[in-house]
Amino acid sequence: MHIDQELLDVILSIKNKDELGLFFEEIFTPAELSDLSLRWKLLKDLHRGMTQRKIAEKYGISLCKITRGSKVLKKKGSVALNVLDSMN
């Protein structure tokens, strides 16, 4: 999947967190925002060392969804991993 470059430019141009939140609420459905937030939470939990089974239990989700997140964090050059590392 290719991400629209103009959309990325727009997101980068919004410097106010409240405005960015409103923009996301305007362009994403509540379900899409929920999925995005859940993906971020499970990435943080994986990064902290929580087991996949514990994460599945915590959020009531399948191991498949968590495995994808685990692969992201193991990927060479992972931006998500770099972001999470910089948050600690």
PDB file of N, CA and C in Angstrom:
ATOM      1  N   MET A   1       0.838  -1.179   0.000  1.00  0.00           N
ATOM      2  CA  MET A   1       0.000   0.000   0.000  1.00  0.00           C
ATOM      3  C   MET A   1       0.882   1.242   0.000  1.00  0.00           C
ATOM      4  N   HIS A   2       0.510   2.203  -0.803  1.00  0.00           N
ATOM      5  CA  HIS A   2       1.259   3.449  -0.902  1.00  0.00           C
ATOM      6  C   HIS A   2       0.511   4.550  -0.161  1.00  0.00           C
ATOM      7  N   ILE A   3       1.203   5.250   0.712  1.00  0.00           N
ATOM      8  CA  ILE A   3       0.581   6.333   1.467  1.00  0.00           C
ATOM      9  C   ILE A   3       0.656   7.614   0.658  1.00  0.00           C
ATOM     10  N   ASP A   4      -0.444   8.299   0.587  1.00  0.00           N
ATOM     11  CA  ASP A   4      -0.529   9.555  -0.153  1.00  0.00           C
ATOM     12  C   ASP A   4       0.434  10.578   0.446  1.00  0.00           C
ATOM     13  N   GLN A   5       1.361  11.059  -0.367  1.00  0.00           N
ATOM     14  CA  GLN A   5       2.386  11.989   0.102  1.00  0.00           C
ATOM     15  C   GLN A   5       1.793  13.332   0.526  1.00  0.00           C
ATOM     16  N   GLU A   6       0.764  13.762  -0.182  1.00  0.00           N
ATOM     17  CA  GLU A   6       0.121  15.018   0.195  1.00  0.00           C
ATOM     18  C   GLU A   6      -0.491  14.911   1.593  1.00  0.00           C
ATOM     19  N   LEU A   7      -1.098  13.765   1.904  1.00  0.00           N
ATOM     20  CA  LEU A   7      -1.672  13.555   3.231  1.00  0.00           C
ATOM     21  C   LEU A   7      -0.581  13.607   4.300  1.00  0.00           C
ATOM     22  N   LEU A   8       0.551  12.983   4.026  1.00  0.00           N
ATOM     23  CA  LEU A   8       1.659  13.043   4.978  1.00  0.00           C
ATOM     24  C   LEU A   8       2.126  14.481   5.187  1.00  0.00           C
ATOM     25  N   ASP A   9       2.195  15.255   4.110  1.00  0.00           N
ATOM     26  CA  ASP A   9       2.576  16.662   4.216  1.00  0.00           C
ATOM     27  C   ASP A   9       1.584  17.436   5.068  1.00  0.00           C
ATOM     28  N   VAL A  10       0.297  17.161   4.872  1.00  0.00           N
ATOM     29  CA  VAL A  10      -0.739  17.835   5.656  1.00  0.00           C
ATOM     30  C   VAL A  10      -0.578  17.498   7.132  1.00  0.00           C
ATOM     31  N   ILE A  11      -0.389  16.209   7.449  1.00  0.00           N
ATOM     32  CA  ILE A  11      -0.227  15.793   8.839  1.00  0.00           C
ATOM     33  C   ILE A  11       0.998  16.459   9.455  1.00  0.00           C
ATOM     34  N   LEU A  12       2.089  16.505   8.712  1.00  0.00           N
ATOM     35  CA  LEU A  12       3.301  17.158   9.208  1.00  0.00           C
ATOM     36  C   LEU A  12       3.117  18.658   9.423  1.00  0.00           C
ATOM     37  N   SER A  13       2.212  19.259   8.666  1.00  0.00           N
ATOM     38  CA  SER A  13       2.021  20.706   8.763  1.00  0.00           C
ATOM     39  C   SER A  13       1.206  21.120   9.984  1.00  0.00           C
ATOM     40  N   ILE A  14       0.479  20.181  10.578  1.00  0.00           N
ATOM     41  CA  ILE A  14      -0.364  20.499  11.734  1.00  0.00           C
ATOM     42  C   ILE A  14       0.492  20.384  12.997  1.00  0.00           C
ATOM     43  N   LYS A  15       0.809  21.506  13.583  1.00  0.00           N
ATOM     44  CA  LYS A  15       1.720  21.536  14.731  1.00  0.00           C
ATOM     45  C   LYS A  15       1.001  21.518  16.075  1.00  0.00           C
ATOM     46  N   ASN A  16      -0.291  21.786  16.071  1.00  0.00           N
ATOM     47  CA  ASN A  16      -1.065  21.839  17.300  1.00  0.00           C
ATOM     48  C   ASN A  16      -1.715  20.473  17.546  1.00  0.00           C
ATOM     49  N   LYS A  17      -1.451  19.883  18.717  1.00  0.00           N
ATOM     50  CA  LYS A  17      -1.953  18.547  19.028  1.00  0.00           C
ATOM     51  C   LYS A  17      -3.487  18.485  19.006  1.00  0.00           C
ATOM     52  N   ASP A  18      -4.149  19.518  19.539  1.00  0.00           N
ATOM     53  CA  ASP A  18      -5.615  19.528  19.531  1.00  0.00           C
ATOM     54  C   ASP A  18      -6.155  19.560  18.099  1.00  0.00           C
ATOM     55  N   GLU A  19      -5.535  20.383  17.250  1.00  0.00           N
ATOM     56  CA  GLU A  19      -5.953  20.448  15.846  1.00  0.00           C
ATOM     57  C   GLU A  19      -5.703  19.120  15.142  1.00  0.00           C
ATOM     58  N   LEU A  20      -4.587  18.494  15.437  1.00  0.00           N
ATOM     59  CA  LEU A  20      -4.283  17.201  14.822  1.00  0.00           C
ATOM     60  C   LEU A  20      -5.316  16.163  15.245  1.00  0.00           C
ATOM     61  N   GLY A  21      -5.692  16.176  16.509  1.00  0.00           N
ATOM     62  CA  GLY A  21      -6.722  15.262  16.983  1.00  0.00           C
ATOM     63  C   GLY A  21      -8.044  15.495  16.264  1.00  0.00           C
ATOM     64  N   LEU A  22      -8.413  16.761  16.098  1.00  0.00           N
ATOM     65  CA  LEU A  22      -9.653  17.080  15.380  1.00  0.00           C
ATOM     66  C   LEU A  22      -9.575  16.649  13.921  1.00  0.00           C
ATOM     67  N   PHE A  23      -8.419  16.860  13.294  1.00  0.00           N
ATOM     68  CA  PHE A  23      -8.230  16.442  11.908  1.00  0.00           C
ATOM     69  C   PHE A  23      -8.411  14.933  11.787  1.00  0.00           C
ATOM     70  N   PHE A  24      -7.790  14.186  12.699  1.00  0.00           N
ATOM     71  CA  PHE A  24      -7.936  12.734  12.672  1.00  0.00           C
ATOM     72  C   PHE A  24      -9.397  12.331  12.854  1.00  0.00           C
ATOM     73  N   GLU A  25     -10.108  13.006  13.748  1.00  0.00           N
ATOM     74  CA  GLU A  25     -11.527  12.693  13.953  1.00  0.00           C
ATOM     75  C   GLU A  25     -12.355  13.006  12.706  1.00  0.00           C
ATOM     76  N   GLU A  26     -11.907  13.972  11.928  1.00  0.00           N
ATOM     77  CA  GLU A  26     -12.622  14.328  10.699  1.00  0.00           C
ATOM     78  C   GLU A  26     -12.374  13.334   9.564  1.00  0.00           C
ATOM     79  N   ILE A  27     -11.170  12.790   9.479  1.00  0.00           N
ATOM     80  CA  ILE A  27     -10.867  11.936   8.324  1.00  0.00           C
ATOM     81  C   ILE A  27     -10.936  10.439   8.622  1.00  0.00           C
ATOM     82  N   PHE A  28     -10.898  10.056   9.903  1.00  0.00           N
ATOM     83  CA  PHE A  28     -10.989   8.649  10.271  1.00  0.00           C
ATOM     84  C   PHE A  28     -12.318   8.374  10.958  1.00  0.00           C
ATOM     85  N   THR A  29     -12.831   7.175  10.782  1.00  0.00           N
ATOM     86  CA  THR A  29     -14.029   6.765  11.509  1.00  0.00           C
ATOM     87  C   THR A  29     -13.625   6.455  12.952  1.00  0.00           C
ATOM     88  N   PRO A  30     -14.597   6.432  13.868  1.00  0.00           N
ATOM     89  CA  PRO A  30     -14.268   6.036  15.239  1.00  0.00           C
ATOM     90  C   PRO A  30     -13.602   4.655  15.305  1.00  0.00           C
ATOM     91  N   ALA A  31     -14.041   3.723  14.484  1.00  0.00           N
ATOM     92  CA  ALA A  31     -13.443   2.382  14.471  1.00  0.00           C
ATOM     93  C   ALA A  31     -11.987   2.430  14.000  1.00  0.00           C
ATOM     94  N   GLU A  32     -11.717   3.239  12.986  1.00  0.00           N
ATOM     95  CA  GLU A  32     -10.335   3.364  12.493  1.00  0.00           C
ATOM     96  C   GLU A  32      -9.431   3.985  13.548  1.00  0.00           C
ATOM     97  N   LEU A  33      -9.927   5.006  14.244  1.00  0.00           N
ATOM     98  CA  LEU A  33      -9.139   5.625  15.312  1.00  0.00           C
ATOM     99  C   LEU A  33      -8.896   4.652  16.460  1.00  0.00           C
ATOM    100  N   SER A  34      -9.908   3.852  16.761  1.00  0.00           N
ATOM    101  CA  SER A  34      -9.767   2.846  17.809  1.00  0.00           C
ATOM    102  C   SER A  34      -8.719   1.808  17.426  1.00  0.00           C
ATOM    103  N   ASP A  35      -8.747   1.358  16.175  1.00  0.00           N
ATOM    104  CA  ASP A  35      -7.756   0.388  15.688  1.00  0.00           C
ATOM    105  C   ASP A  35      -6.347   0.970  15.738  1.00  0.00           C
ATOM    106  N   LEU A  36      -6.214   2.219  15.330  1.00  0.00           N
ATOM    107  CA  LEU A  36      -4.917   2.887  15.341  1.00  0.00           C
ATOM    108  C   LEU A  36      -4.376   3.012  16.763  1.00  0.00           C
ATOM    109  N   SER A  37      -5.244   3.414  17.686  1.00  0.00           N
ATOM    110  CA  SER A  37      -4.839   3.549  19.087  1.00  0.00           C
ATOM    111  C   SER A  37      -4.465   2.197  19.686  1.00  0.00           C
ATOM    112  N   LEU A  38      -5.249   1.167  19.359  1.00  0.00           N
ATOM    113  CA  LEU A  38      -4.950  -0.172  19.857  1.00  0.00           C
ATOM    114  C   LEU A  38      -3.607  -0.658  19.325  1.00  0.00           C
ATOM    115  N   ARG A  39      -3.347  -0.422  18.048  1.00  0.00           N
ATOM    116  CA  ARG A  39      -2.068  -0.842  17.459  1.00  0.00           C
ATOM    117  C   ARG A  39      -0.902  -0.195  18.205  1.00  0.00           C
ATOM    118  N   TRP A  40      -1.046   1.089  18.524  1.00  0.00           N
ATOM    119  CA  TRP A  40       0.020   1.797  19.242  1.00  0.00           C
ATOM    120  C   TRP A  40       0.187   1.230  20.653  1.00  0.00           C
ATOM    121  N   LYS A  41      -0.915   0.964  21.338  1.00  0.00           N
ATOM    122  CA  LYS A  41      -0.843   0.414  22.700  1.00  0.00           C
ATOM    123  C   LYS A  41      -0.162  -0.938  22.714  1.00  0.00           C
ATOM    124  N   LEU A  42      -0.498  -1.796  21.747  1.00  0.00           N
ATOM    125  CA  LEU A  42       0.120  -3.119  21.755  1.00  0.00           C
ATOM    126  C   LEU A  42       1.598  -3.039  21.388  1.00  0.00           C
ATOM    127  N   LEU A  43       1.971  -2.090  20.526  1.00  0.00           N
ATOM    128  CA  LEU A  43       3.396  -1.891  20.233  1.00  0.00           C
ATOM    129  C   LEU A  43       4.145  -1.455  21.494  1.00  0.00           C
ATOM    130  N   LYS A  44       3.546  -0.561  22.259  1.00  0.00           N
ATOM    131  CA  LYS A  44       4.185  -0.115  23.508  1.00  0.00           C
ATOM    132  C   LYS A  44       4.313  -1.274  24.490  1.00  0.00           C
ATOM    133  N   ASP A  45       3.266  -2.084  24.610  1.00  0.00           N
ATOM    134  CA  ASP A  45       3.326  -3.231  25.520  1.00  0.00           C
ATOM    135  C   ASP A  45       4.386  -4.239  25.084  1.00  0.00           C
ATOM    136  N   LEU A  46       4.458  -4.524  23.787  1.00  0.00           N
ATOM    137  CA  LEU A  46       5.499  -5.419  23.279  1.00  0.00           C
ATOM    138  C   LEU A  46       6.883  -4.854  23.580  1.00  0.00           C
ATOM    139  N   HIS A  47       7.042  -3.578  23.368  1.00  0.00           N
ATOM    140  CA  HIS A  47       8.330  -2.921  23.603  1.00  0.00           C
ATOM    141  C   HIS A  47       8.740  -3.012  25.070  1.00  0.00           C
ATOM    142  N   ARG A  48       7.764  -2.967  25.951  1.00  0.00           N
ATOM    143  CA  ARG A  48       8.031  -3.073  27.396  1.00  0.00           C
ATOM    144  C   ARG A  48       8.314  -4.513  27.823  1.00  0.00           C
ATOM    145  N   GLY A  49       8.120  -5.467  26.899  1.00  0.00           N
ATOM    146  CA  GLY A  49       8.420  -6.864  27.201  1.00  0.00           C
ATOM    147  C   GLY A  49       7.222  -7.703  27.617  1.00  0.00           C
ATOM    148  N   MET A  50       6.016  -7.159  27.496  1.00  0.00           N
ATOM    149  CA  MET A  50       4.831  -7.947  27.828  1.00  0.00           C
ATOM    150  C   MET A  50       4.675  -9.070  26.802  1.00  0.00           C
ATOM    151  N   THR A  51       4.270 -10.230  27.257  1.00  0.00           N
ATOM    152  CA  THR A  51       4.105 -11.362  26.344  1.00  0.00           C
ATOM    153  C   THR A  51       2.901 -11.140  25.431  1.00  0.00           C
ATOM    154  N   GLN A  52       2.954 -11.787  24.269  1.00  0.00           N
ATOM    155  CA  GLN A  52       1.857 -11.669  23.318  1.00  0.00           C
ATOM    156  C   GLN A  52       0.557 -12.201  23.910  1.00  0.00           C
ATOM    157  N   ARG A  53       0.639 -13.282  24.651  1.00  0.00           N
ATOM    158  CA  ARG A  53      -0.571 -13.849  25.262  1.00  0.00           C
ATOM    159  C   ARG A  53      -1.175 -12.886  26.283  1.00  0.00           C
ATOM    160  N   LYS A  54      -0.339 -12.232  27.045  1.00  0.00           N
ATOM    161  CA  LYS A  54      -0.821 -11.267  28.046  1.00  0.00           C
ATOM    162  C   LYS A  54      -1.487 -10.076  27.354  1.00  0.00           C
ATOM    163  N   ILE A  55      -0.897  -9.631  26.257  1.00  0.00           N
ATOM    164  CA  ILE A  55      -1.471  -8.511  25.490  1.00  0.00           C
ATOM    165  C   ILE A  55      -2.819  -8.927  24.903  1.00  0.00           C
ATOM    166  N   ALA A  56      -2.895 -10.140  24.360  1.00  0.00           N
ATOM    167  CA  ALA A  56      -4.151 -10.638  23.788  1.00  0.00           C
ATOM    168  C   ALA A  56      -5.237 -10.656  24.852  1.00  0.00           C
ATOM    169  N   GLU A  57      -4.872 -11.093  26.027  1.00  0.00           N
ATOM    170  CA  GLU A  57      -5.823 -11.141  27.142  1.00  0.00           C
ATOM    171  C   GLU A  57      -6.222  -9.733  27.581  1.00  0.00           C
ATOM    172  N   LYS A  58      -5.252  -8.856  27.659  1.00  0.00           N
ATOM    173  CA  LYS A  58      -5.490  -7.480  28.120  1.00  0.00           C
ATOM    174  C   LYS A  58      -6.493  -6.740  27.228  1.00  0.00           C
ATOM    175  N   TYR A  59      -6.345  -6.905  25.908  1.00  0.00           N
ATOM    176  CA  TYR A  59      -7.178  -6.153  24.970  1.00  0.00           C
ATOM    177  C   TYR A  59      -8.269  -6.984  24.304  1.00  0.00           C
ATOM    178  N   GLY A  60      -8.289  -8.289  24.560  1.00  0.00           N
ATOM    179  CA  GLY A  60      -9.281  -9.154  23.939  1.00  0.00           C
ATOM    180  C   GLY A  60      -9.120  -9.241  22.431  1.00  0.00           C
ATOM    181  N   ILE A  61      -7.874  -9.383  21.986  1.00  0.00           N
ATOM    182  CA  ILE A  61      -7.583  -9.451  20.547  1.00  0.00           C
ATOM    183  C   ILE A  61      -6.841 -10.739  20.223  1.00  0.00           C
ATOM    184  N   SER A  62      -6.763 -11.045  18.935  1.00  0.00           N
ATOM    185  CA  SER A  62      -6.104 -12.275  18.502  1.00  0.00           C
ATOM    186  C   SER A  62      -4.584 -12.129  18.530  1.00  0.00           C
ATOM    187  N   LEU A  63      -3.929 -13.263  18.630  1.00  0.00           N
ATOM    188  CA  LEU A  63      -2.467 -13.272  18.596  1.00  0.00           C
ATOM    189  C   LEU A  63      -1.943 -12.812  17.233  1.00  0.00           C
ATOM    190  N   CYS A  64      -2.725 -13.022  16.172  1.00  0.00           N
ATOM    191  CA  CYS A  64      -2.299 -12.607  14.828  1.00  0.00           C
ATOM    192  C   CYS A  64      -2.052 -11.097  14.767  1.00  0.00           C
ATOM    193  N   LYS A  65      -2.937 -10.343  15.372  1.00  0.00           N
ATOM    194  CA  LYS A  65      -2.794  -8.887  15.379  1.00  0.00           C
ATOM    195  C   LYS A  65      -1.522  -8.471  16.119  1.00  0.00           C
ATOM    196  N   ILE A  66      -1.237  -9.179  17.184  1.00  0.00           N
ATOM    197  CA  ILE A  66      -0.060  -8.867  18.001  1.00  0.00           C
ATOM    198  C   ILE A  66       1.213  -9.309  17.297  1.00  0.00           C
ATOM    199  N   THR A  67       1.148 -10.448  16.610  1.00  0.00           N
ATOM    200  CA  THR A  67       2.316 -10.937  15.883  1.00  0.00           C
ATOM    201  C   THR A  67       2.769  -9.931  14.833  1.00  0.00           C
ATOM    202  N   ARG A  68       1.825  -9.277  14.185  1.00  0.00           N
ATOM    203  CA  ARG A  68       2.179  -8.248  13.201  1.00  0.00           C
ATOM    204  C   ARG A  68       2.970  -7.131  13.877  1.00  0.00           C
ATOM    205  N   GLY A  69       2.512  -6.722  15.043  1.00  0.00           N
ATOM    206  CA  GLY A  69       3.228  -5.684  15.789  1.00  0.00           C
ATOM    207  C   GLY A  69       4.614  -6.140  16.195  1.00  0.00           C
ATOM    208  N   SER A  70       4.724  -7.388  16.589  1.00  0.00           N
ATOM    209  CA  SER A  70       6.023  -7.946  16.970  1.00  0.00           C
ATOM    210  C   SER A  70       6.993  -7.921  15.795  1.00  0.00           C
ATOM    211  N   LYS A  71       6.472  -8.256  14.603  1.00  0.00           N
ATOM    212  CA  LYS A  71       7.319  -8.227  13.403  1.00  0.00           C
ATOM    213  C   LYS A  71       7.789  -6.814  13.091  1.00  0.00           C
ATOM    214  N   VAL A  72       6.923  -5.841  13.320  1.00  0.00           N
ATOM    215  CA  VAL A  72       7.294  -4.437  13.082  1.00  0.00           C
ATOM    216  C   VAL A  72       8.482  -4.066  13.962  1.00  0.00           C
ATOM    217  N   LEU A  73       8.426  -4.458  15.229  1.00  0.00           N
ATOM    218  CA  LEU A  73       9.496  -4.095  16.158  1.00  0.00           C
ATOM    219  C   LEU A  73      10.793  -4.863  15.904  1.00  0.00           C
ATOM    220  N   LYS A  74      10.708  -5.999  15.223  1.00  0.00           N
ATOM    221  CA  LYS A  74      11.904  -6.793  14.913  1.00  0.00           C
ATOM    222  C   LYS A  74      12.523  -6.414  13.569  1.00  0.00           C
ATOM    223  N   LYS A  75      11.778  -5.653  12.773  1.00  0.00           N
ATOM    224  CA  LYS A  75      12.241  -5.292  11.435  1.00  0.00           C
ATOM    225  C   LYS A  75      13.441  -4.339  11.511  1.00  0.00           C
ATOM    226  N   LYS A  76      14.450  -4.618  10.715  1.00  0.00           N
ATOM    227  CA  LYS A  76      15.628  -3.756  10.663  1.00  0.00           C
ATOM    228  C   LYS A  76      15.203  -2.358  10.207  1.00  0.00           C
ATOM    229  N   GLY A  77      15.627  -1.347  10.946  1.00  0.00           N
ATOM    230  CA  GLY A  77      15.316   0.032  10.597  1.00  0.00           C
ATOM    231  C   GLY A  77      13.899   0.452  10.973  1.00  0.00           C
ATOM    232  N   SER A  78      13.249  -0.277  11.878  1.00  0.00           N
ATOM    233  CA  SER A  78      11.874   0.023  12.262  1.00  0.00           C
ATOM    234  C   SER A  78      11.758   1.423  12.863  1.00  0.00           C
ATOM    235  N   VAL A  79      10.940   2.248  12.237  1.00  0.00           N
ATOM    236  CA  VAL A  79      10.700   3.601  12.740  1.00  0.00           C
ATOM    237  C   VAL A  79       9.946   3.525  14.065  1.00  0.00           C
ATOM    238  N   ALA A  80       8.982   2.616  14.152  1.00  0.00           N
ATOM    239  CA  ALA A  80       8.211   2.463  15.394  1.00  0.00           C
ATOM    240  C   ALA A  80       9.139   2.117  16.547  1.00  0.00           C
ATOM    241  N   LEU A  81      10.077   1.205  16.317  1.00  0.00           N
ATOM    242  CA  LEU A  81      11.029   0.837  17.366  1.00  0.00           C
ATOM    243  C   LEU A  81      11.891   2.035  17.762  1.00  0.00           C
ATOM    244  N   ASN A  82      12.353   2.792  16.781  1.00  0.00           N
ATOM    245  CA  ASN A  82      13.169   3.965  17.085  1.00  0.00           C
ATOM    246  C   ASN A  82      12.389   4.984  17.902  1.00  0.00           C
ATOM    247  N   VAL A  83      11.119   5.172  17.569  1.00  0.00           N
ATOM    248  CA  VAL A  83      10.274   6.113  18.306  1.00  0.00           C
ATOM    249  C   VAL A  83      10.104   5.619  19.745  1.00  0.00           C
ATOM    250  N   LEU A  84       9.786   4.342  19.910  1.00  0.00           N
ATOM    251  CA  LEU A  84       9.591   3.795  21.240  1.00  0.00           C
ATOM    252  C   LEU A  84      10.880   3.855  22.064  1.00  0.00           C
ATOM    253  N   ASP A  85      12.004   3.551  21.443  1.00  0.00           N
ATOM    254  CA  ASP A  85      13.294   3.648  22.146  1.00  0.00           C
ATOM    255  C   ASP A  85      13.563   5.078  22.610  1.00  0.00           C
ATOM    256  N   SER A  86      13.201   6.051  21.778  1.00  0.00           N
ATOM    257  CA  SER A  86      13.475   7.453  22.126  1.00  0.00           C
ATOM    258  C   SER A  86      12.543   7.973  23.220  1.00  0.00           C
ATOM    259  N   MET A  87      11.426   7.275  23.445  1.00  0.00           N
ATOM    260  CA  MET A  87      10.482   7.700  24.476  1.00  0.00           C
ATOM    261  C   MET A  87      10.939   7.305  25.873  1.00  0.00           C
ATOM    262  N   ASN A  88      11.852   6.360  25.965  1.00  0.00           N
ATOM    263  CA  ASN A  88      12.324   5.883  27.287  1.00  0.00           C
ATOM    264  C   ASN A  88      13.439   6.727  27.820  1.00  0.00           C
TER     265      ASN A  88
END
